Amino acid sequence: PDDFPRVAEEVTRYTAEGRCEYVQEYRLLTAEKQVLWVVDRSKVLRAGDGEVEFYDGVITDITERKRQEQE
């Protein structure tokens, strides 16, 4: 939840800039209240008129890498 405002703002900005893809790192909170770090690689798929049809992405757990960076 702490990262949501930043992530949402970035998606809005990247979309408005006309980007076709972007990468973000952020934290997710599991149902068990465990914090996971992820990297989100997304593509923006647009119609012929430039309107967004949908976002397609892959999220990868990078929690261990983040843990090592902090040490």
PDB file of N, CA and C in Angstrom:
ATOM      1  N   PRO A   1       0.811  -1.223   0.000  1.00  0.00           N
ATOM      2  CA  PRO A   1       0.000   0.000   0.000  1.00  0.00           C
ATOM      3  C   PRO A   1       0.848   1.279   0.000  1.00  0.00           C
ATOM      4  N   ASP A   2       2.041   1.204   0.613  1.00  0.00           N
ATOM      5  CA  ASP A   2       2.892   2.396   0.664  1.00  0.00           C
ATOM      6  C   ASP A   2       3.387   2.795  -0.724  1.00  0.00           C
ATOM      7  N   ASP A   3       3.546   1.845  -1.617  1.00  0.00           N
ATOM      8  CA  ASP A   3       4.072   2.131  -2.950  1.00  0.00           C
ATOM      9  C   ASP A   3       2.980   2.448  -3.974  1.00  0.00           C
ATOM     10  N   PHE A   4       1.718   2.173  -3.635  1.00  0.00           N
ATOM     11  CA  PHE A   4       0.642   2.316  -4.616  1.00  0.00           C
ATOM     12  C   PHE A   4       0.544   3.711  -5.237  1.00  0.00           C
ATOM     13  N   PRO A   5       0.580   4.801  -4.458  1.00  0.00           N
ATOM     14  CA  PRO A   5       0.460   6.125  -5.088  1.00  0.00           C
ATOM     15  C   PRO A   5       1.557   6.376  -6.140  1.00  0.00           C
ATOM     16  N   ARG A   6       2.783   6.003  -5.839  1.00  0.00           N
ATOM     17  CA  ARG A   6       3.884   6.196  -6.785  1.00  0.00           C
ATOM     18  C   ARG A   6       3.684   5.346  -8.031  1.00  0.00           C
ATOM     19  N   VAL A   7       3.352   4.079  -7.830  1.00  0.00           N
ATOM     20  CA  VAL A   7       3.180   3.159  -8.958  1.00  0.00           C
ATOM     21  C   VAL A   7       2.038   3.640  -9.863  1.00  0.00           C
ATOM     22  N   ALA A   8       0.926   4.016  -9.277  1.00  0.00           N
ATOM     23  CA  ALA A   8      -0.221   4.494 -10.060  1.00  0.00           C
ATOM     24  C   ALA A   8       0.139   5.763 -10.826  1.00  0.00           C
ATOM     25  N   GLU A   9       0.857   6.684 -10.188  1.00  0.00           N
ATOM     26  CA  GLU A   9       1.260   7.924 -10.857  1.00  0.00           C
ATOM     27  C   GLU A   9       2.183   7.625 -12.026  1.00  0.00           C
ATOM     28  N   GLU A  10       3.124   6.701 -11.830  1.00  0.00           N
ATOM     29  CA  GLU A  10       4.052   6.348 -12.902  1.00  0.00           C
ATOM     30  C   GLU A  10       3.313   5.724 -14.088  1.00  0.00           C
ATOM     31  N   VAL A  11       2.381   4.819 -13.830  1.00  0.00           N
ATOM     32  CA  VAL A  11       1.621   4.190 -14.914  1.00  0.00           C
ATOM     33  C   VAL A  11       0.846   5.260 -15.687  1.00  0.00           C
ATOM     34  N   THR A  12       0.208   6.172 -14.981  1.00  0.00           N
ATOM     35  CA  THR A  12      -0.539   7.253 -15.623  1.00  0.00           C
ATOM     36  C   THR A  12       0.386   8.115 -16.478  1.00  0.00           C
ATOM     37  N   ARG A  13       1.534   8.480 -15.935  1.00  0.00           N
ATOM     38  CA  ARG A  13       2.486   9.329 -16.655  1.00  0.00           C
ATOM     39  C   ARG A  13       3.068   8.606 -17.865  1.00  0.00           C
ATOM     40  N   TYR A  14       3.500   7.361 -17.680  1.00  0.00           N
ATOM     41  CA  TYR A  14       4.078   6.599 -18.787  1.00  0.00           C
ATOM     42  C   TYR A  14       3.059   6.426 -19.914  1.00  0.00           C
ATOM     43  N   THR A  15       1.819   6.184 -19.558  1.00  0.00           N
ATOM     44  CA  THR A  15       0.772   6.025 -20.562  1.00  0.00           C
ATOM     45  C   THR A  15       0.556   7.336 -21.314  1.00  0.00           C
ATOM     46  N   ALA A  16       0.480   8.446 -20.578  1.00  0.00           N
ATOM     47  CA  ALA A  16       0.281   9.755 -21.206  1.00  0.00           C
ATOM     48  C   ALA A  16       1.453  10.135 -22.108  1.00  0.00           C
ATOM     49  N   GLU A  17       2.660   9.708 -21.738  1.00  0.00           N
ATOM     50  CA  GLU A  17       3.845   9.988 -22.560  1.00  0.00           C
ATOM     51  C   GLU A  17       3.858   9.159 -23.838  1.00  0.00           C
ATOM     52  N   GLY A  18       2.971   8.171 -23.920  1.00  0.00           N
ATOM     53  CA  GLY A  18       2.908   7.329 -25.103  1.00  0.00           C
ATOM     54  C   GLY A  18       3.875   6.167 -25.096  1.00  0.00           C
ATOM     55  N   ARG A  19       4.419   5.848 -23.928  1.00  0.00           N
ATOM     56  CA  ARG A  19       5.361   4.721 -23.854  1.00  0.00           C
ATOM     57  C   ARG A  19       4.687   3.416 -24.254  1.00  0.00           C
ATOM     58  N   CYS A  20       5.480   2.558 -24.882  1.00  0.00           N
ATOM     59  CA  CYS A  20       4.996   1.236 -25.277  1.00  0.00           C
ATOM     60  C   CYS A  20       5.325   0.191 -24.220  1.00  0.00           C
ATOM     61  N   GLU A  21       6.305   0.498 -23.367  1.00  0.00           N
ATOM     62  CA  GLU A  21       6.675  -0.433 -22.300  1.00  0.00           C
ATOM     63  C   GLU A  21       7.371   0.329 -21.189  1.00  0.00           C
ATOM     64  N   TYR A  22       7.404  -0.285 -20.015  1.00  0.00           N
ATOM     65  CA  TYR A  22       8.076   0.308 -18.864  1.00  0.00           C
ATOM     66  C   TYR A  22       8.375  -0.770 -17.834  1.00  0.00           C
ATOM     67  N   VAL A  23       9.292  -0.429 -16.905  1.00  0.00           N
ATOM     68  CA  VAL A  23       9.696  -1.339 -15.833  1.00  0.00           C
ATOM     69  C   VAL A  23       9.554  -0.587 -14.513  1.00  0.00           C
ATOM     70  N   GLN A  24       8.983  -1.254 -13.521  1.00  0.00           N
ATOM     71  CA  GLN A  24       8.833  -0.670 -12.192  1.00  0.00           C
ATOM     72  C   GLN A  24       9.245  -1.690 -11.136  1.00  0.00           C
ATOM     73  N   GLU A  25       9.783  -1.190 -10.026  1.00  0.00           N
ATOM     74  CA  GLU A  25      10.040  -2.026  -8.856  1.00  0.00           C
ATOM     75  C   GLU A  25       9.199  -1.488  -7.716  1.00  0.00           C
ATOM     76  N   TYR A  26       8.534  -2.401  -7.019  1.00  0.00           N
ATOM     77  CA  TYR A  26       7.711  -1.991  -5.887  1.00  0.00           C
ATOM     78  C   TYR A  26       7.458  -3.171  -4.964  1.00  0.00           C
ATOM     79  N   ARG A  27       6.848  -2.872  -3.830  1.00  0.00           N
ATOM     80  CA  ARG A  27       6.548  -3.898  -2.833  1.00  0.00           C
ATOM     81  C   ARG A  27       5.086  -4.308  -2.900  1.00  0.00           C
ATOM     82  N   LEU A  28       4.855  -5.591  -2.639  1.00  0.00           N
ATOM     83  CA  LEU A  28       3.509  -6.128  -2.506  1.00  0.00           C
ATOM     84  C   LEU A  28       3.360  -6.704  -1.104  1.00  0.00           C
ATOM     85  N   LEU A  29       2.171  -6.645  -0.579  1.00  0.00           N
ATOM     86  CA  LEU A  29       1.876  -7.204   0.735  1.00  0.00           C
ATOM     87  C   LEU A  29       0.991  -8.426   0.537  1.00  0.00           C
ATOM     88  N   THR A  30       1.469  -9.596   0.998  1.00  0.00           N
ATOM     89  CA  THR A  30       0.712 -10.838   0.829  1.00  0.00           C
ATOM     90  C   THR A  30      -0.411 -10.915   1.862  1.00  0.00           C
ATOM     91  N   ALA A  31      -1.291 -11.889   1.687  1.00  0.00           N
ATOM     92  CA  ALA A  31      -2.388 -12.112   2.643  1.00  0.00           C
ATOM     93  C   ALA A  31      -1.846 -12.435   4.027  1.00  0.00           C
ATOM     94  N   GLU A  32      -0.636 -13.003   4.075  1.00  0.00           N
ATOM     95  CA  GLU A  32       0.008 -13.345   5.358  1.00  0.00           C
ATOM     96  C   GLU A  32       0.800 -12.168   5.924  1.00  0.00           C
ATOM     97  N   LYS A  33       0.643 -10.981   5.321  1.00  0.00           N
ATOM     98  CA  LYS A  33       1.319  -9.741   5.762  1.00  0.00           C
ATOM     99  C   LYS A  33       2.835  -9.785   5.525  1.00  0.00           C
ATOM    100  N   GLN A  34       3.263 -10.584   4.564  1.00  0.00           N
ATOM    101  CA  GLN A  34       4.672 -10.649   4.191  1.00  0.00           C
ATOM    102  C   GLN A  34       4.908  -9.651   3.063  1.00  0.00           C
ATOM    103  N   VAL A  35       6.016  -8.915   3.137  1.00  0.00           N
ATOM    104  CA  VAL A  35       6.358  -7.941   2.103  1.00  0.00           C
ATOM    105  C   VAL A  35       7.242  -8.614   1.053  1.00  0.00           C
ATOM    106  N   LEU A  36       6.831  -8.504  -0.195  1.00  0.00           N
ATOM    107  CA  LEU A  36       7.605  -9.011  -1.320  1.00  0.00           C
ATOM    108  C   LEU A  36       7.991  -7.850  -2.222  1.00  0.00           C
ATOM    109  N   TRP A  37       9.222  -7.854  -2.685  1.00  0.00           N
ATOM    110  CA  TRP A  37       9.658  -6.905  -3.705  1.00  0.00           C
ATOM    111  C   TRP A  37       9.474  -7.566  -5.055  1.00  0.00           C
ATOM    112  N   VAL A  38       8.967  -6.805  -6.030  1.00  0.00           N
ATOM    113  CA  VAL A  38       8.786  -7.335  -7.375  1.00  0.00           C
ATOM    114  C   VAL A  38       9.306  -6.338  -8.405  1.00  0.00           C
ATOM    115  N   VAL A  39       9.671  -6.871  -9.566  1.00  0.00           N
ATOM    116  CA  VAL A  39       9.930  -6.032 -10.733  1.00  0.00           C
ATOM    117  C   VAL A  39       8.810  -6.350 -11.718  1.00  0.00           C
ATOM    118  N   ASP A  40       8.195  -5.308 -12.229  1.00  0.00           N
ATOM    119  CA  ASP A  40       7.041  -5.414 -13.119  1.00  0.00           C
ATOM    120  C   ASP A  40       7.466  -4.881 -14.486  1.00  0.00           C
ATOM    121  N   ARG A  41       7.490  -5.759 -15.485  1.00  0.00           N
ATOM    122  CA  ARG A  41       7.818  -5.373 -16.855  1.00  0.00           C
ATOM    123  C   ARG A  41       6.525  -5.392 -17.650  1.00  0.00           C
ATOM    124  N   SER A  42       6.064  -4.214 -18.042  1.00  0.00           N
ATOM    125  CA  SER A  42       4.762  -4.095 -18.697  1.00  0.00           C
ATOM    126  C   SER A  42       4.878  -3.529 -20.101  1.00  0.00           C
ATOM    127  N   LYS A  43       3.955  -3.958 -20.953  1.00  0.00           N
ATOM    128  CA  LYS A  43       3.804  -3.410 -22.296  1.00  0.00           C
ATOM    129  C   LYS A  43       2.416  -2.799 -22.379  1.00  0.00           C
ATOM    130  N   VAL A  44       2.349  -1.665 -23.083  1.00  0.00           N
ATOM    131  CA  VAL A  44       1.077  -0.989 -23.292  1.00  0.00           C
ATOM    132  C   VAL A  44       0.652  -1.282 -24.727  1.00  0.00           C
ATOM    133  N   LEU A  45      -0.482  -1.951 -24.886  1.00  0.00           N
ATOM    134  CA  LEU A  45      -0.973  -2.282 -26.217  1.00  0.00           C
ATOM    135  C   LEU A  45      -2.071  -1.301 -26.585  1.00  0.00           C
ATOM    136  N   ARG A  46      -1.902  -0.663 -27.746  1.00  0.00           N
ATOM    137  CA  ARG A  46      -2.795   0.416 -28.162  1.00  0.00           C
ATOM    138  C   ARG A  46      -3.520   0.072 -29.456  1.00  0.00           C
ATOM    139  N   ALA A  47      -4.671   0.673 -29.618  1.00  0.00           N
ATOM    140  CA  ALA A  47      -5.440   0.554 -30.855  1.00  0.00           C
ATOM    141  C   ALA A  47      -4.793   1.457 -31.904  1.00  0.00           C
ATOM    142  N   GLY A  48      -5.279   1.392 -33.120  1.00  0.00           N
ATOM    143  CA  GLY A  48      -4.744   2.209 -34.203  1.00  0.00           C
ATOM    144  C   GLY A  48      -4.808   3.699 -33.933  1.00  0.00           C
ATOM    145  N   ASP A  49      -5.789   4.128 -33.154  1.00  0.00           N
ATOM    146  CA  ASP A  49      -5.924   5.558 -32.837  1.00  0.00           C
ATOM    147  C   ASP A  49      -5.086   5.977 -31.630  1.00  0.00           C
ATOM    148  N   GLY A  50      -4.313   5.029 -31.081  1.00  0.00           N
ATOM    149  CA  GLY A  50      -3.446   5.348 -29.947  1.00  0.00           C
ATOM    150  C   GLY A  50      -4.053   5.107 -28.584  1.00  0.00           C
ATOM    151  N   GLU A  51      -5.342   4.803 -28.535  1.00  0.00           N
ATOM    152  CA  GLU A  51      -5.985   4.539 -27.249  1.00  0.00           C
ATOM    153  C   GLU A  51      -5.502   3.207 -26.685  1.00  0.00           C
ATOM    154  N   VAL A  52      -5.329   3.165 -25.363  1.00  0.00           N
ATOM    155  CA  VAL A  52      -4.874   1.942 -24.707  1.00  0.00           C
ATOM    156  C   VAL A  52      -5.961   0.882 -24.773  1.00  0.00           C
ATOM    157  N   GLU A  53      -5.586  -0.291 -25.264  1.00  0.00           N
ATOM    158  CA  GLU A  53      -6.505  -1.425 -25.272  1.00  0.00           C
ATOM    159  C   GLU A  53      -6.319  -2.248 -24.003  1.00  0.00           C
ATOM    160  N   PHE A  54      -5.045  -2.513 -23.661  1.00  0.00           N
ATOM    161  CA  PHE A  54      -4.764  -3.208 -22.403  1.00  0.00           C
ATOM    162  C   PHE A  54      -3.277  -3.171 -22.096  1.00  0.00           C
ATOM    163  N   TYR A  55      -2.969  -3.533 -20.862  1.00  0.00           N
ATOM    164  CA  TYR A  55      -1.588  -3.642 -20.393  1.00  0.00           C
ATOM    165  C   TYR A  55      -1.272  -5.124 -20.260  1.00  0.00           C
ATOM    166  N   ASP A  56      -0.073  -5.493 -20.655  1.00  0.00           N
ATOM    167  CA  ASP A  56       0.363  -6.886 -20.552  1.00  0.00           C
ATOM    168  C   ASP A  56       1.702  -6.872 -19.835  1.00  0.00           C
ATOM    169  N   GLY A  57       1.837  -7.680 -18.793  1.00  0.00           N
ATOM    170  CA  GLY A  57       3.090  -7.627 -18.053  1.00  0.00           C
ATOM    171  C   GLY A  57       3.445  -8.910 -17.346  1.00  0.00           C
ATOM    172  N   VAL A  58       4.677  -8.911 -16.864  1.00  0.00           N
ATOM    173  CA  VAL A  58       5.202 -10.034 -16.097  1.00  0.00           C
ATOM    174  C   VAL A  58       5.777  -9.468 -14.804  1.00  0.00           C
ATOM    175  N   ILE A  59       5.407 -10.080 -13.694  1.00  0.00           N
ATOM    176  CA  ILE A  59       5.913  -9.658 -12.381  1.00  0.00           C
ATOM    177  C   ILE A  59       6.826 -10.760 -11.862  1.00  0.00           C
ATOM    178  N   THR A  60       8.040 -10.360 -11.445  1.00  0.00           N
ATOM    179  CA  THR A  60       9.035 -11.299 -10.935  1.00  0.00           C
ATOM    180  C   THR A  60       9.390 -10.932  -9.502  1.00  0.00           C
ATOM    181  N   ASP A  61       9.417 -11.928  -8.635  1.00  0.00           N
ATOM    182  CA  ASP A  61       9.792 -11.731  -7.230  1.00  0.00           C
ATOM    183  C   ASP A  61      11.296 -11.468  -7.147  1.00  0.00           C
ATOM    184  N   ILE A  62      11.672 -10.294  -6.619  1.00  0.00           N
ATOM    185  CA  ILE A  62      13.089  -9.929  -6.459  1.00  0.00           C
ATOM    186  C   ILE A  62      13.413  -9.676  -4.983  1.00  0.00           C
ATOM    187  N   THR A  63      12.615 -10.264  -4.098  1.00  0.00           N
ATOM    188  CA  THR A  63      12.777 -10.028  -2.665  1.00  0.00           C
ATOM    189  C   THR A  63      14.186 -10.383  -2.197  1.00  0.00           C
ATOM    190  N   GLU A  64      14.700 -11.524  -2.605  1.00  0.00           N
ATOM    191  CA  GLU A  64      16.033 -11.946  -2.160  1.00  0.00           C
ATOM    192  C   GLU A  64      17.106 -10.978  -2.645  1.00  0.00           C
ATOM    193  N   ARG A  65      16.989 -10.539  -3.873  1.00  0.00           N
ATOM    194  CA  ARG A  65      17.957  -9.575  -4.401  1.00  0.00           C
ATOM    195  C   ARG A  65      17.931  -8.289  -3.592  1.00  0.00           C
ATOM    196  N   LYS A  66      16.750  -7.787  -3.272  1.00  0.00           N
ATOM    197  CA  LYS A  66      16.616  -6.572  -2.464  1.00  0.00           C
ATOM    198  C   LYS A  66      17.205  -6.764  -1.071  1.00  0.00           C
ATOM    199  N   ARG A  67      16.983  -7.948  -0.499  1.00  0.00           N
ATOM    200  CA  ARG A  67      17.516  -8.250   0.820  1.00  0.00           C
ATOM    201  C   ARG A  67      19.055  -8.189   0.793  1.00  0.00           C
ATOM    202  N   GLN A  68      19.647  -8.770  -0.253  1.00  0.00           N
ATOM    203  CA  GLN A  68      21.099  -8.761  -0.387  1.00  0.00           C
ATOM    204  C   GLN A  68      21.640  -7.356  -0.606  1.00  0.00           C
ATOM    205  N   GLU A  69      20.932  -6.542  -1.370  1.00  0.00           N
ATOM    206  CA  GLU A  69      21.347  -5.158  -1.599  1.00  0.00           C
ATOM    207  C   GLU A  69      21.358  -4.364  -0.295  1.00  0.00           C
ATOM    208  N   GLN A  70      20.385  -4.620   0.568  1.00  0.00           N
ATOM    209  CA  GLN A  70      20.293  -3.888   1.827  1.00  0.00           C
ATOM    210  C   GLN A  70      21.382  -4.298   2.813  1.00  0.00           C
ATOM    211  N   GLU A  71      21.881  -5.525   2.669  1.00  0.00           N
ATOM    212  CA  GLU A  71      22.947  -5.991   3.573  1.00  0.00           C
ATOM    213  C   GLU A  71      24.240  -5.425   3.095  1.00  0.00           C
TER     214      GLU A  71
END
